[in-house]
């Protein structure tokens, strides 16, 4: 199995070129600060290494998610991307282009888990073993479910990613949750990428990753 995943150029710290297998990353910050951008960069960074991507989209459709990926990887291999669509608003055309499991709503955590298992079996059948998991976003889950339920789900999900030597990329809008909720969710992750907007522009810092500076740095 792979020991590290290439993330060169994806994280806002040029000294971080890879993440150990089993790492779960939470990208946090207020709305419109670029959390999705960082998440998609992390998920797309391994495409040339033949990594698979399995992404749960809680609000945007699978079609929109696919369009975003293709901005980062114009020659995207549709056989190596799979989506669990909780938005309820996708088209049949998208479902024919990529492997998709549809879930009735973000509150259906059992459906998300079952869909994940199905898509992982599909990857295994194609001998795609290195998987980058995405969940965009945890904040949507918290709009439908209580904090304790979401935390238990994240614990199971991140543990599965760790046990299978994948990497996980999740996002959280810190502006819409109280401090206790943010701290509870954050505690489940190995690494936190914090983003903020200042008068000088966007800045980021990384917590929990050995070798990465914890200072705020400009991030384009």
N, C-alpha and C. Protein backbone atom coordinates (compact mmCIF):
# COMPACT_ATOMS: atom_id res chain seq x y z
N UNK A 1 0.84 -1.20 0.00
CA UNK A 1 0.00 0.00 0.00
C UNK A 1 0.87 1.25 0.00
N UNK A 2 0.30 2.33 -0.47
CA UNK A 2 1.00 3.60 -0.52
C UNK A 2 1.29 4.12 0.89
N UNK A 3 2.42 4.79 1.07
CA UNK A 3 2.76 5.34 2.39
C UNK A 3 2.50 6.83 2.47
N UNK A 4 2.51 7.52 1.32
CA UNK A 4 2.28 8.96 1.29
C UNK A 4 1.49 9.35 0.05
N UNK A 5 0.76 10.45 0.17
CA UNK A 5 0.01 11.01 -0.96
C UNK A 5 0.59 12.37 -1.33
N UNK A 6 0.85 12.55 -2.60
CA UNK A 6 1.39 13.81 -3.08
C UNK A 6 0.33 14.91 -2.97
N UNK A 7 0.71 16.05 -2.37
CA UNK A 7 -0.19 17.21 -2.31
C UNK A 7 0.57 18.46 -2.74
N UNK A 8 1.61 18.27 -3.55
CA UNK A 8 2.44 19.38 -3.98
C UNK A 8 1.64 20.53 -4.57
N UNK A 9 1.75 21.71 -3.98
CA UNK A 9 1.07 22.89 -4.46
C UNK A 9 -0.37 23.04 -4.00
N UNK A 10 -0.90 22.02 -3.30
CA UNK A 10 -2.31 22.07 -2.90
C UNK A 10 -2.52 22.79 -1.57
N UNK A 11 -1.58 22.59 -0.65
CA UNK A 11 -1.73 23.20 0.68
C UNK A 11 -1.05 24.56 0.73
N UNK A 12 -1.57 25.46 1.55
CA UNK A 12 -1.00 26.81 1.65
C UNK A 12 0.27 26.84 2.50
N UNK A 13 1.14 25.93 2.24
CA UNK A 13 2.45 25.92 2.90
C UNK A 13 3.38 25.17 1.96
N UNK A 14 4.22 25.90 1.27
CA UNK A 14 5.01 25.30 0.19
C UNK A 14 5.98 24.23 0.69
N UNK A 15 6.15 24.11 2.02
CA UNK A 15 7.04 23.08 2.53
C UNK A 15 6.34 21.73 2.63
N UNK A 16 5.03 21.68 2.47
CA UNK A 16 4.28 20.44 2.60
C UNK A 16 4.07 19.85 1.22
N UNK A 17 4.77 18.77 0.92
CA UNK A 17 4.67 18.16 -0.39
C UNK A 17 3.87 16.88 -0.40
N UNK A 18 3.63 16.29 0.79
CA UNK A 18 2.89 15.03 0.84
C UNK A 18 2.23 14.87 2.20
N UNK A 19 1.25 13.98 2.24
CA UNK A 19 0.57 13.63 3.49
C UNK A 19 0.69 12.13 3.71
N UNK A 20 0.96 11.70 4.95
CA UNK A 20 1.02 10.26 5.21
C UNK A 20 -0.33 9.59 4.93
N UNK A 21 -0.28 8.37 4.43
CA UNK A 21 -1.50 7.60 4.24
C UNK A 21 -2.23 7.50 5.58
N UNK A 22 -3.56 7.61 5.52
CA UNK A 22 -4.36 7.55 6.74
C UNK A 22 -4.65 8.90 7.37
N UNK A 23 -4.15 9.99 6.76
CA UNK A 23 -4.35 11.33 7.31
C UNK A 23 -5.73 11.86 6.94
N UNK A 24 -6.39 12.49 7.92
CA UNK A 24 -7.66 13.16 7.69
C UNK A 24 -7.49 14.65 7.93
N UNK A 25 -7.86 15.45 6.94
CA UNK A 25 -7.64 16.90 6.95
C UNK A 25 -8.98 17.62 7.00
N UNK A 26 -9.08 18.63 7.87
CA UNK A 26 -10.26 19.49 7.93
C UNK A 26 -9.86 20.89 7.49
N UNK A 27 -10.54 21.41 6.48
CA UNK A 27 -10.29 22.76 5.98
C UNK A 27 -11.37 23.66 6.56
N UNK A 28 -10.98 24.69 7.33
CA UNK A 28 -11.94 25.51 8.04
C UNK A 28 -11.81 26.98 7.69
N UNK A 29 -12.85 27.73 8.00
CA UNK A 29 -12.85 29.17 7.79
C UNK A 29 -14.25 29.65 7.52
N UNK A 30 -14.45 30.97 7.41
CA UNK A 30 -15.78 31.51 7.12
C UNK A 30 -16.17 31.28 5.66
N UNK A 31 -17.38 31.66 5.33
CA UNK A 31 -17.86 31.51 3.95
C UNK A 31 -17.02 32.35 2.99
N UNK A 32 -16.90 31.87 1.76
CA UNK A 32 -16.27 32.61 0.65
C UNK A 32 -14.77 32.85 0.85
N UNK A 33 -14.13 32.05 1.69
CA UNK A 33 -12.70 32.24 1.90
C UNK A 33 -11.86 31.25 1.11
N UNK A 34 -12.50 30.28 0.45
CA UNK A 34 -11.76 29.36 -0.40
C UNK A 34 -11.60 27.95 0.13
N UNK A 35 -12.48 27.53 1.03
CA UNK A 35 -12.35 26.17 1.58
C UNK A 35 -12.53 25.11 0.51
N UNK A 36 -13.54 25.28 -0.35
CA UNK A 36 -13.77 24.31 -1.43
C UNK A 36 -12.57 24.24 -2.36
N UNK A 37 -11.99 25.38 -2.66
CA UNK A 37 -10.82 25.42 -3.54
C UNK A 37 -9.69 24.59 -2.98
N UNK A 38 -9.38 24.77 -1.69
CA UNK A 38 -8.30 24.00 -1.07
C UNK A 38 -8.65 22.51 -1.07
N UNK A 39 -9.91 22.20 -0.75
CA UNK A 39 -10.32 20.79 -0.73
C UNK A 39 -10.18 20.14 -2.10
N UNK A 40 -10.60 20.85 -3.15
CA UNK A 40 -10.50 20.28 -4.49
C UNK A 40 -9.05 20.16 -4.94
N UNK A 41 -8.23 21.09 -4.55
CA UNK A 41 -6.81 20.97 -4.87
C UNK A 41 -6.21 19.71 -4.24
N UNK A 42 -6.55 19.45 -2.99
CA UNK A 42 -6.04 18.27 -2.30
C UNK A 42 -6.56 16.98 -2.95
N UNK A 43 -7.82 16.98 -3.33
CA UNK A 43 -8.40 15.78 -3.94
C UNK A 43 -7.87 15.53 -5.34
N UNK A 44 -7.62 16.60 -6.08
CA UNK A 44 -7.18 16.47 -7.48
C UNK A 44 -5.68 16.26 -7.62
N UNK A 45 -4.92 16.50 -6.55
CA UNK A 45 -3.46 16.49 -6.67
C UNK A 45 -2.89 15.13 -7.06
N UNK A 46 -3.61 14.05 -6.81
CA UNK A 46 -3.08 12.72 -7.11
C UNK A 46 -3.57 12.13 -8.41
N UNK A 47 -4.20 12.91 -9.25
CA UNK A 47 -4.78 12.33 -10.46
C UNK A 47 -3.72 11.72 -11.37
N UNK A 48 -2.59 12.39 -11.50
CA UNK A 48 -1.52 11.86 -12.36
C UNK A 48 -0.88 10.61 -11.76
N UNK A 49 -1.09 10.39 -10.46
CA UNK A 49 -0.57 9.18 -9.81
C UNK A 49 -1.60 8.05 -9.82
N UNK A 50 -2.71 8.27 -10.53
CA UNK A 50 -3.77 7.26 -10.67
C UNK A 50 -4.55 7.02 -9.39
N UNK A 51 -4.56 8.00 -8.48
CA UNK A 51 -5.40 7.89 -7.28
C UNK A 51 -6.87 8.00 -7.66
N UNK A 52 -7.71 7.32 -6.90
CA UNK A 52 -9.15 7.48 -7.06
C UNK A 52 -9.66 8.58 -6.13
N UNK A 53 -10.80 9.16 -6.47
CA UNK A 53 -11.44 10.17 -5.63
C UNK A 53 -12.88 9.75 -5.37
N UNK A 54 -13.24 9.70 -4.10
CA UNK A 54 -14.60 9.40 -3.69
C UNK A 54 -15.09 10.57 -2.86
N UNK A 55 -16.05 11.33 -3.39
CA UNK A 55 -16.44 12.57 -2.73
C UNK A 55 -17.93 12.57 -2.39
N UNK A 56 -18.24 12.96 -1.16
CA UNK A 56 -19.61 13.15 -0.73
C UNK A 56 -19.95 14.63 -0.89
N UNK A 57 -20.95 14.94 -1.70
CA UNK A 57 -21.38 16.32 -1.86
C UNK A 57 -22.74 16.49 -1.19
N UNK A 58 -22.80 17.36 -0.20
CA UNK A 58 -24.00 17.46 0.63
C UNK A 58 -24.99 18.49 0.13
N UNK A 59 -24.53 19.42 -0.71
CA UNK A 59 -25.42 20.47 -1.20
C UNK A 59 -25.36 20.61 -2.72
N UNK A 60 -24.18 20.69 -3.29
CA UNK A 60 -24.04 20.81 -4.74
C UNK A 60 -24.29 19.46 -5.41
N UNK A 61 -24.75 19.50 -6.63
CA UNK A 61 -25.01 18.26 -7.36
C UNK A 61 -23.71 17.61 -7.81
N UNK A 62 -23.80 16.33 -8.17
CA UNK A 62 -22.64 15.63 -8.71
C UNK A 62 -22.15 16.30 -9.98
N UNK A 63 -23.08 16.84 -10.75
CA UNK A 63 -22.68 17.53 -11.99
C UNK A 63 -21.83 18.75 -11.72
N UNK A 64 -22.22 19.55 -10.74
CA UNK A 64 -21.42 20.73 -10.41
C UNK A 64 -20.06 20.31 -9.86
N UNK A 65 -20.05 19.27 -9.03
CA UNK A 65 -18.79 18.80 -8.47
C UNK A 65 -17.85 18.34 -9.59
N UNK A 66 -18.41 17.62 -10.56
CA UNK A 66 -17.60 17.15 -11.69
C UNK A 66 -17.03 18.33 -12.47
N UNK A 67 -17.84 19.36 -12.67
CA UNK A 67 -17.36 20.55 -13.38
C UNK A 67 -16.20 21.20 -12.63
N UNK A 68 -16.29 21.24 -11.30
CA UNK A 68 -15.21 21.83 -10.51
C UNK A 68 -13.93 21.02 -10.64
N UNK A 69 -14.05 19.71 -10.59
CA UNK A 69 -12.86 18.86 -10.73
C UNK A 69 -12.19 19.09 -12.08
N UNK A 70 -13.00 19.24 -13.11
CA UNK A 70 -12.42 19.39 -14.45
C UNK A 70 -11.72 20.72 -14.63
N UNK A 71 -11.99 21.69 -13.76
CA UNK A 71 -11.22 22.94 -13.79
C UNK A 71 -9.80 22.71 -13.29
N UNK A 72 -9.64 21.77 -12.37
CA UNK A 72 -8.31 21.46 -11.84
C UNK A 72 -7.62 20.36 -12.64
N UNK A 73 -8.40 19.46 -13.22
CA UNK A 73 -7.85 18.35 -14.01
C UNK A 73 -8.62 18.30 -15.32
N UNK A 74 -8.22 19.07 -16.33
CA UNK A 74 -8.96 19.11 -17.60
C UNK A 74 -9.13 17.75 -18.25
N UNK A 75 -8.11 16.87 -18.13
CA UNK A 75 -8.19 15.54 -18.73
C UNK A 75 -8.59 14.51 -17.68
N UNK A 76 -9.63 14.82 -16.94
CA UNK A 76 -10.07 13.96 -15.84
C UNK A 76 -10.51 12.59 -16.34
N UNK A 77 -10.00 11.54 -15.70
CA UNK A 77 -10.40 10.17 -15.99
C UNK A 77 -11.67 9.87 -15.19
N UNK A 78 -12.80 9.81 -15.86
CA UNK A 78 -14.08 9.62 -15.16
C UNK A 78 -14.17 8.28 -14.46
N UNK A 79 -13.35 7.32 -14.84
CA UNK A 79 -13.37 6.02 -14.17
C UNK A 79 -12.74 6.07 -12.79
N UNK A 80 -12.04 7.16 -12.49
CA UNK A 80 -11.35 7.25 -11.19
C UNK A 80 -11.96 8.31 -10.28
N UNK A 81 -13.20 8.69 -10.56
CA UNK A 81 -13.91 9.59 -9.67
C UNK A 81 -15.30 9.03 -9.42
N UNK A 82 -15.72 9.06 -8.16
CA UNK A 82 -17.04 8.57 -7.77
C UNK A 82 -17.64 9.55 -6.77
N UNK A 83 -18.95 9.69 -6.81
CA UNK A 83 -19.62 10.72 -6.01
C UNK A 83 -20.83 10.14 -5.30
N UNK A 84 -21.00 10.52 -4.05
CA UNK A 84 -22.23 10.29 -3.32
C UNK A 84 -22.97 11.62 -3.29
N UNK A 85 -24.08 11.70 -3.99
CA UNK A 85 -24.82 12.94 -4.18
C UNK A 85 -26.01 12.99 -3.23
N UNK A 86 -25.92 13.91 -2.25
CA UNK A 86 -27.00 14.09 -1.28
C UNK A 86 -27.89 15.28 -1.62
N UNK A 87 -27.65 15.92 -2.77
CA UNK A 87 -28.33 17.17 -3.10
C UNK A 87 -29.75 16.96 -3.62
N UNK A 88 -30.01 15.80 -4.20
CA UNK A 88 -31.33 15.53 -4.76
C UNK A 88 -31.65 16.32 -6.01
N UNK A 89 -30.60 16.84 -6.68
CA UNK A 89 -30.87 17.72 -7.82
C UNK A 89 -29.97 17.44 -9.02
N UNK A 90 -29.62 16.18 -9.23
CA UNK A 90 -28.70 15.88 -10.32
C UNK A 90 -29.42 15.35 -11.56
N UNK A 91 -28.70 15.37 -12.66
CA UNK A 91 -29.26 14.94 -13.94
C UNK A 91 -28.80 13.53 -14.29
N UNK A 92 -29.60 12.87 -15.13
CA UNK A 92 -29.24 11.51 -15.56
C UNK A 92 -27.94 11.54 -16.36
N UNK A 93 -27.71 12.61 -17.09
CA UNK A 93 -26.49 12.70 -17.91
C UNK A 93 -25.25 12.58 -17.04
N UNK A 94 -25.24 13.27 -15.89
CA UNK A 94 -24.08 13.18 -15.00
C UNK A 94 -23.94 11.77 -14.45
N UNK A 95 -25.05 11.14 -14.11
CA UNK A 95 -24.98 9.80 -13.54
C UNK A 95 -24.40 8.80 -14.53
N UNK A 96 -24.55 9.08 -15.82
CA UNK A 96 -24.00 8.19 -16.84
C UNK A 96 -22.51 8.43 -17.05
N UNK A 97 -22.01 9.60 -16.64
CA UNK A 97 -20.61 9.93 -16.87
C UNK A 97 -19.69 9.42 -15.77
N UNK A 98 -20.17 9.42 -14.55
CA UNK A 98 -19.34 8.99 -13.43
C UNK A 98 -20.15 8.09 -12.51
N UNK A 99 -19.44 7.26 -11.73
CA UNK A 99 -20.10 6.40 -10.76
C UNK A 99 -20.71 7.26 -9.66
N UNK A 100 -22.02 7.16 -9.49
CA UNK A 100 -22.72 8.00 -8.53
C UNK A 100 -23.72 7.19 -7.72
N UNK A 101 -23.72 7.43 -6.42
CA UNK A 101 -24.75 6.90 -5.54
C UNK A 101 -25.58 8.08 -5.04
N UNK A 102 -26.88 7.99 -5.20
CA UNK A 102 -27.75 9.08 -4.78
C UNK A 102 -28.33 8.78 -3.40
N UNK A 103 -28.28 9.78 -2.53
CA UNK A 103 -28.81 9.67 -1.17
C UNK A 103 -29.87 10.75 -1.01
N UNK A 104 -30.94 10.42 -0.31
CA UNK A 104 -32.11 11.31 -0.27
C UNK A 104 -31.82 12.67 0.34
N UNK A 105 -30.96 12.72 1.35
CA UNK A 105 -30.62 13.99 2.00
C UNK A 105 -29.35 13.83 2.81
N UNK A 106 -28.72 14.93 3.20
CA UNK A 106 -27.51 14.83 4.04
C UNK A 106 -27.77 14.20 5.40
N UNK A 107 -29.03 14.12 5.79
CA UNK A 107 -29.36 13.50 7.08
C UNK A 107 -29.30 11.97 7.04
N UNK A 108 -29.25 11.41 5.84
CA UNK A 108 -29.24 9.95 5.68
C UNK A 108 -27.81 9.42 5.78
N UNK A 109 -27.30 9.36 6.98
CA UNK A 109 -25.92 8.92 7.19
C UNK A 109 -25.75 7.44 6.84
N UNK A 110 -26.79 6.65 7.07
CA UNK A 110 -26.72 5.23 6.69
C UNK A 110 -26.59 5.11 5.18
N UNK A 111 -27.35 5.91 4.44
CA UNK A 111 -27.25 5.89 2.99
C UNK A 111 -25.88 6.31 2.50
N UNK A 112 -25.28 7.31 3.15
CA UNK A 112 -23.93 7.74 2.79
C UNK A 112 -22.94 6.60 3.02
N UNK A 113 -23.07 5.92 4.16
CA UNK A 113 -22.16 4.81 4.48
C UNK A 113 -22.31 3.66 3.50
N UNK A 114 -23.55 3.32 3.15
CA UNK A 114 -23.78 2.24 2.19
C UNK A 114 -23.24 2.62 0.82
N UNK A 115 -23.49 3.87 0.41
CA UNK A 115 -22.97 4.34 -0.88
C UNK A 115 -21.46 4.32 -0.94
N UNK A 116 -20.82 4.71 0.16
CA UNK A 116 -19.37 4.68 0.23
C UNK A 116 -18.84 3.26 0.03
N UNK A 117 -19.45 2.31 0.72
CA UNK A 117 -19.01 0.91 0.60
C UNK A 117 -19.16 0.41 -0.84
N UNK A 118 -20.28 0.76 -1.49
CA UNK A 118 -20.49 0.32 -2.88
C UNK A 118 -19.43 0.90 -3.82
N UNK A 119 -19.15 2.17 -3.66
CA UNK A 119 -18.20 2.81 -4.57
C UNK A 119 -16.77 2.32 -4.31
N UNK A 120 -16.46 2.03 -3.06
CA UNK A 120 -15.13 1.48 -2.76
C UNK A 120 -14.97 0.09 -3.40
N UNK A 121 -16.04 -0.69 -3.39
CA UNK A 121 -15.97 -2.01 -4.05
C UNK A 121 -15.78 -1.83 -5.55
N UNK A 122 -16.40 -0.81 -6.10
CA UNK A 122 -16.24 -0.53 -7.53
C UNK A 122 -14.78 -0.19 -7.85
N UNK A 123 -14.17 0.66 -7.01
CA UNK A 123 -12.76 0.99 -7.19
C UNK A 123 -11.90 -0.27 -7.06
N UNK A 124 -12.18 -1.09 -6.06
CA UNK A 124 -11.39 -2.30 -5.84
C UNK A 124 -11.47 -3.21 -7.06
N UNK A 125 -12.63 -3.29 -7.67
CA UNK A 125 -12.79 -4.11 -8.87
C UNK A 125 -11.95 -3.62 -10.03
N UNK A 126 -11.60 -2.36 -10.03
CA UNK A 126 -10.75 -1.79 -11.07
C UNK A 126 -9.30 -1.64 -10.60
N UNK A 127 -9.00 -2.25 -9.45
CA UNK A 127 -7.66 -2.24 -8.87
C UNK A 127 -7.17 -0.82 -8.59
N UNK A 128 -8.08 0.03 -8.17
CA UNK A 128 -7.73 1.38 -7.72
C UNK A 128 -7.73 1.34 -6.19
N UNK A 129 -6.54 1.34 -5.62
CA UNK A 129 -6.40 1.12 -4.18
C UNK A 129 -6.12 2.39 -3.39
N UNK A 130 -5.52 3.40 -4.03
CA UNK A 130 -5.21 4.65 -3.34
C UNK A 130 -6.38 5.61 -3.53
N UNK A 131 -7.10 5.89 -2.47
CA UNK A 131 -8.34 6.66 -2.56
C UNK A 131 -8.24 7.95 -1.75
N UNK A 132 -8.62 9.05 -2.38
CA UNK A 132 -8.76 10.33 -1.68
C UNK A 132 -10.25 10.56 -1.45
N UNK A 133 -10.63 10.67 -0.18
CA UNK A 133 -12.03 10.84 0.20
C UNK A 133 -12.30 12.31 0.47
N UNK A 134 -13.44 12.80 0.02
CA UNK A 134 -13.83 14.17 0.31
C UNK A 134 -15.24 14.23 0.87
N UNK A 135 -15.48 15.17 1.78
CA UNK A 135 -16.84 15.43 2.26
C UNK A 135 -17.01 16.94 2.35
N UNK A 136 -17.84 17.48 1.47
CA UNK A 136 -18.05 18.92 1.36
C UNK A 136 -19.56 19.18 1.47
N UNK A 137 -20.06 19.61 2.64
CA UNK A 137 -19.25 19.98 3.79
C UNK A 137 -19.89 19.44 5.06
N UNK A 138 -19.09 19.39 6.12
CA UNK A 138 -19.57 18.96 7.43
C UNK A 138 -20.65 19.92 7.95
N UNK A 139 -20.54 21.18 7.60
CA UNK A 139 -21.52 22.17 8.08
C UNK A 139 -22.94 21.83 7.65
N UNK A 140 -23.08 21.29 6.44
CA UNK A 140 -24.41 20.89 5.99
C UNK A 140 -24.97 19.77 6.83
N UNK A 141 -24.13 18.80 7.19
CA UNK A 141 -24.59 17.72 8.08
C UNK A 141 -25.10 18.28 9.39
N UNK A 142 -24.40 19.29 9.91
CA UNK A 142 -24.77 19.89 11.20
C UNK A 142 -26.06 20.70 11.11
N UNK A 143 -26.47 21.07 9.92
CA UNK A 143 -27.76 21.75 9.76
C UNK A 143 -28.92 20.76 9.87
N UNK A 144 -28.65 19.49 9.59
CA UNK A 144 -29.69 18.47 9.60
C UNK A 144 -29.68 17.62 10.87
N UNK A 145 -28.51 17.50 11.48
CA UNK A 145 -28.35 16.54 12.58
C UNK A 145 -27.66 17.20 13.77
N UNK A 146 -27.83 16.61 14.95
CA UNK A 146 -27.20 17.18 16.14
C UNK A 146 -25.71 16.88 16.14
N UNK A 147 -25.00 17.64 16.94
CA UNK A 147 -23.53 17.57 16.97
C UNK A 147 -23.03 16.18 17.33
N UNK A 148 -23.65 15.53 18.30
CA UNK A 148 -23.20 14.21 18.74
C UNK A 148 -23.32 13.18 17.63
N UNK A 149 -24.42 13.22 16.89
CA UNK A 149 -24.63 12.27 15.79
C UNK A 149 -23.60 12.48 14.70
N UNK A 150 -23.34 13.74 14.36
CA UNK A 150 -22.36 14.04 13.32
C UNK A 150 -20.96 13.61 13.77
N UNK A 151 -20.64 13.86 15.03
CA UNK A 151 -19.32 13.49 15.53
C UNK A 151 -19.11 11.98 15.45
N UNK A 152 -20.12 11.21 15.84
CA UNK A 152 -20.00 9.75 15.78
C UNK A 152 -19.81 9.28 14.33
N UNK A 153 -20.55 9.89 13.42
CA UNK A 153 -20.40 9.54 12.01
C UNK A 153 -18.99 9.86 11.52
N UNK A 154 -18.48 11.05 11.86
CA UNK A 154 -17.13 11.43 11.44
C UNK A 154 -16.09 10.50 12.03
N UNK A 155 -16.30 10.09 13.26
CA UNK A 155 -15.33 9.17 13.90
C UNK A 155 -15.26 7.86 13.12
N UNK A 156 -16.41 7.32 12.74
CA UNK A 156 -16.43 6.07 11.98
C UNK A 156 -15.82 6.27 10.59
N UNK A 157 -16.19 7.37 9.95
CA UNK A 157 -15.74 7.64 8.59
C UNK A 157 -14.22 7.84 8.54
N UNK A 158 -13.71 8.70 9.43
CA UNK A 158 -12.27 8.96 9.42
C UNK A 158 -11.46 7.73 9.84
N UNK A 159 -12.02 6.93 10.73
CA UNK A 159 -11.33 5.69 11.14
C UNK A 159 -11.22 4.73 9.96
N UNK A 160 -12.28 4.66 9.15
CA UNK A 160 -12.25 3.79 7.97
C UNK A 160 -11.19 4.26 6.98
N UNK A 161 -11.10 5.58 6.80
CA UNK A 161 -10.09 6.14 5.89
C UNK A 161 -8.69 5.80 6.41
N UNK A 162 -8.49 5.96 7.70
CA UNK A 162 -7.19 5.64 8.29
C UNK A 162 -6.86 4.16 8.13
N UNK A 163 -7.83 3.30 8.40
CA UNK A 163 -7.60 1.86 8.34
C UNK A 163 -7.30 1.36 6.93
N UNK A 164 -7.80 2.08 5.92
CA UNK A 164 -7.60 1.64 4.53
C UNK A 164 -6.50 2.43 3.83
N UNK A 165 -5.74 3.22 4.60
CA UNK A 165 -4.60 3.98 4.06
C UNK A 165 -5.01 4.96 2.96
N UNK A 166 -6.19 5.55 3.10
CA UNK A 166 -6.57 6.64 2.21
C UNK A 166 -6.18 7.96 2.82
N UNK A 167 -6.66 9.05 2.26
CA UNK A 167 -6.62 10.34 2.94
C UNK A 167 -8.02 10.95 2.83
N UNK A 168 -8.39 11.73 3.85
CA UNK A 168 -9.69 12.35 3.89
C UNK A 168 -9.58 13.87 3.88
N UNK A 169 -10.46 14.52 3.15
CA UNK A 169 -10.48 15.98 3.06
C UNK A 169 -11.91 16.44 3.33
N UNK A 170 -12.10 17.20 4.39
CA UNK A 170 -13.42 17.65 4.82
C UNK A 170 -13.39 19.17 4.96
N UNK A 171 -14.56 19.81 4.87
CA UNK A 171 -14.61 21.26 5.06
C UNK A 171 -15.64 21.61 6.14
N UNK A 172 -15.40 22.75 6.81
CA UNK A 172 -16.29 23.22 7.87
C UNK A 172 -16.32 24.74 7.84
N UNK A 173 -17.53 25.32 7.81
CA UNK A 173 -17.69 26.77 7.88
C UNK A 173 -17.76 27.17 9.34
N UNK A 174 -16.67 27.70 9.86
CA UNK A 174 -16.58 28.01 11.29
C UNK A 174 -17.46 29.18 11.70
N UNK A 175 -17.87 30.01 10.76
CA UNK A 175 -18.65 31.20 11.10
C UNK A 175 -20.09 30.87 11.50
N UNK A 176 -20.58 29.70 11.14
CA UNK A 176 -21.99 29.39 11.40
C UNK A 176 -22.17 28.44 12.58
N UNK A 177 -21.09 28.09 13.27
CA UNK A 177 -21.18 27.17 14.40
C UNK A 177 -20.58 27.80 15.65
N UNK A 178 -21.08 27.38 16.81
CA UNK A 178 -20.52 27.88 18.05
C UNK A 178 -19.15 27.24 18.30
N UNK A 179 -18.42 27.82 19.22
CA UNK A 179 -17.04 27.39 19.48
C UNK A 179 -16.96 25.93 19.91
N UNK A 180 -17.92 25.49 20.74
CA UNK A 180 -17.89 24.10 21.19
C UNK A 180 -18.06 23.13 20.03
N UNK A 181 -18.96 23.46 19.12
CA UNK A 181 -19.17 22.59 17.96
C UNK A 181 -17.91 22.53 17.10
N UNK A 182 -17.31 23.69 16.85
CA UNK A 182 -16.08 23.73 16.05
C UNK A 182 -14.99 22.90 16.71
N UNK A 183 -14.82 23.06 18.02
CA UNK A 183 -13.77 22.32 18.73
C UNK A 183 -14.04 20.82 18.71
N UNK A 184 -15.31 20.44 18.86
CA UNK A 184 -15.67 19.02 18.86
C UNK A 184 -15.36 18.38 17.51
N UNK A 185 -15.77 19.03 16.43
CA UNK A 185 -15.50 18.50 15.10
C UNK A 185 -14.01 18.48 14.80
N UNK A 186 -13.33 19.56 15.12
CA UNK A 186 -11.90 19.67 14.83
C UNK A 186 -11.09 18.57 15.50
N UNK A 187 -11.52 18.16 16.69
CA UNK A 187 -10.76 17.17 17.46
C UNK A 187 -10.68 15.82 16.77
N UNK A 188 -11.54 15.59 15.78
CA UNK A 188 -11.57 14.29 15.11
C UNK A 188 -10.54 14.18 13.99
N UNK A 189 -9.83 15.28 13.68
CA UNK A 189 -8.96 15.30 12.52
C UNK A 189 -7.48 15.40 12.90
N UNK A 190 -6.65 14.82 12.02
CA UNK A 190 -5.20 14.83 12.25
C UNK A 190 -4.60 16.19 11.97
N UNK A 191 -5.18 16.89 11.00
CA UNK A 191 -4.60 18.13 10.50
C UNK A 191 -5.73 19.11 10.20
N UNK A 192 -5.53 20.38 10.55
CA UNK A 192 -6.53 21.42 10.28
C UNK A 192 -5.86 22.52 9.46
N UNK A 193 -6.47 22.84 8.32
CA UNK A 193 -6.03 23.97 7.50
C UNK A 193 -7.01 25.11 7.76
N UNK A 194 -6.53 26.16 8.42
CA UNK A 194 -7.39 27.30 8.75
C UNK A 194 -7.19 28.42 7.73
N UNK A 195 -8.29 28.98 7.25
CA UNK A 195 -8.24 30.07 6.28
C UNK A 195 -8.93 31.29 6.88
N UNK A 196 -8.42 32.47 6.54
CA UNK A 196 -9.07 33.70 6.96
C UNK A 196 -8.78 34.80 5.95
N UNK A 197 -9.64 35.82 5.97
CA UNK A 197 -9.47 36.98 5.09
C UNK A 197 -9.05 38.17 5.93
N UNK A 198 -7.96 38.85 5.52
CA UNK A 198 -7.48 40.03 6.23
C UNK A 198 -7.43 41.21 5.27
N UNK A 199 -7.09 42.37 5.79
CA UNK A 199 -6.97 43.55 4.93
C UNK A 199 -5.88 43.35 3.87
N UNK A 200 -4.89 42.53 4.20
CA UNK A 200 -3.79 42.28 3.27
C UNK A 200 -4.11 41.16 2.28
N UNK A 201 -5.25 40.48 2.47
CA UNK A 201 -5.61 39.38 1.58
C UNK A 201 -5.85 38.09 2.36
N UNK A 202 -5.96 37.00 1.64
CA UNK A 202 -6.25 35.72 2.27
C UNK A 202 -5.00 35.14 2.92
N UNK A 203 -5.20 34.56 4.12
CA UNK A 203 -4.10 33.92 4.85
C UNK A 203 -4.51 32.53 5.29
N UNK A 204 -3.51 31.69 5.55
CA UNK A 204 -3.77 30.33 6.00
C UNK A 204 -2.69 29.88 6.96
N UNK A 205 -3.07 28.91 7.80
CA UNK A 205 -2.08 28.24 8.63
C UNK A 205 -2.49 26.78 8.79
N UNK A 206 -1.53 25.95 9.11
CA UNK A 206 -1.76 24.52 9.22
C UNK A 206 -1.44 24.07 10.65
N UNK A 207 -2.37 23.36 11.26
CA UNK A 207 -2.17 22.84 12.61
C UNK A 207 -2.22 21.31 12.59
N UNK A 208 -1.31 20.68 13.32
CA UNK A 208 -1.34 19.24 13.50
C UNK A 208 -0.48 18.45 12.54
N UNK A 209 0.17 19.12 11.60
CA UNK A 209 0.98 18.41 10.61
C UNK A 209 2.46 18.62 10.91
N UNK A 210 3.18 17.57 11.27
CA UNK A 210 4.60 17.71 11.58
C UNK A 210 5.37 18.34 10.43
N UNK A 211 6.21 19.30 10.76
CA UNK A 211 7.03 19.95 9.75
C UNK A 211 6.41 21.15 9.09
N UNK A 212 5.12 21.39 9.34
CA UNK A 212 4.45 22.54 8.73
C UNK A 212 4.44 23.70 9.70
N UNK A 213 4.71 24.89 9.21
CA UNK A 213 4.69 26.09 10.04
C UNK A 213 3.27 26.35 10.53
N UNK A 214 3.13 26.78 11.79
CA UNK A 214 1.83 27.11 12.34
C UNK A 214 1.55 28.61 12.25
N UNK A 215 2.44 29.34 11.62
CA UNK A 215 2.24 30.79 11.48
C UNK A 215 1.26 31.08 10.33
N UNK A 216 0.53 32.17 10.47
CA UNK A 216 -0.34 32.60 9.38
C UNK A 216 0.52 33.09 8.22
N UNK A 217 0.14 32.66 7.02
CA UNK A 217 0.90 33.03 5.83
C UNK A 217 -0.04 33.47 4.73
N UNK A 218 0.43 34.37 3.89
CA UNK A 218 -0.37 34.80 2.74
C UNK A 218 -0.62 33.59 1.85
N UNK A 219 -1.82 33.53 1.29
CA UNK A 219 -2.20 32.37 0.47
C UNK A 219 -3.04 32.87 -0.70
N UNK A 220 -2.54 32.70 -1.92
CA UNK A 220 -3.27 33.12 -3.11
C UNK A 220 -4.24 32.04 -3.57
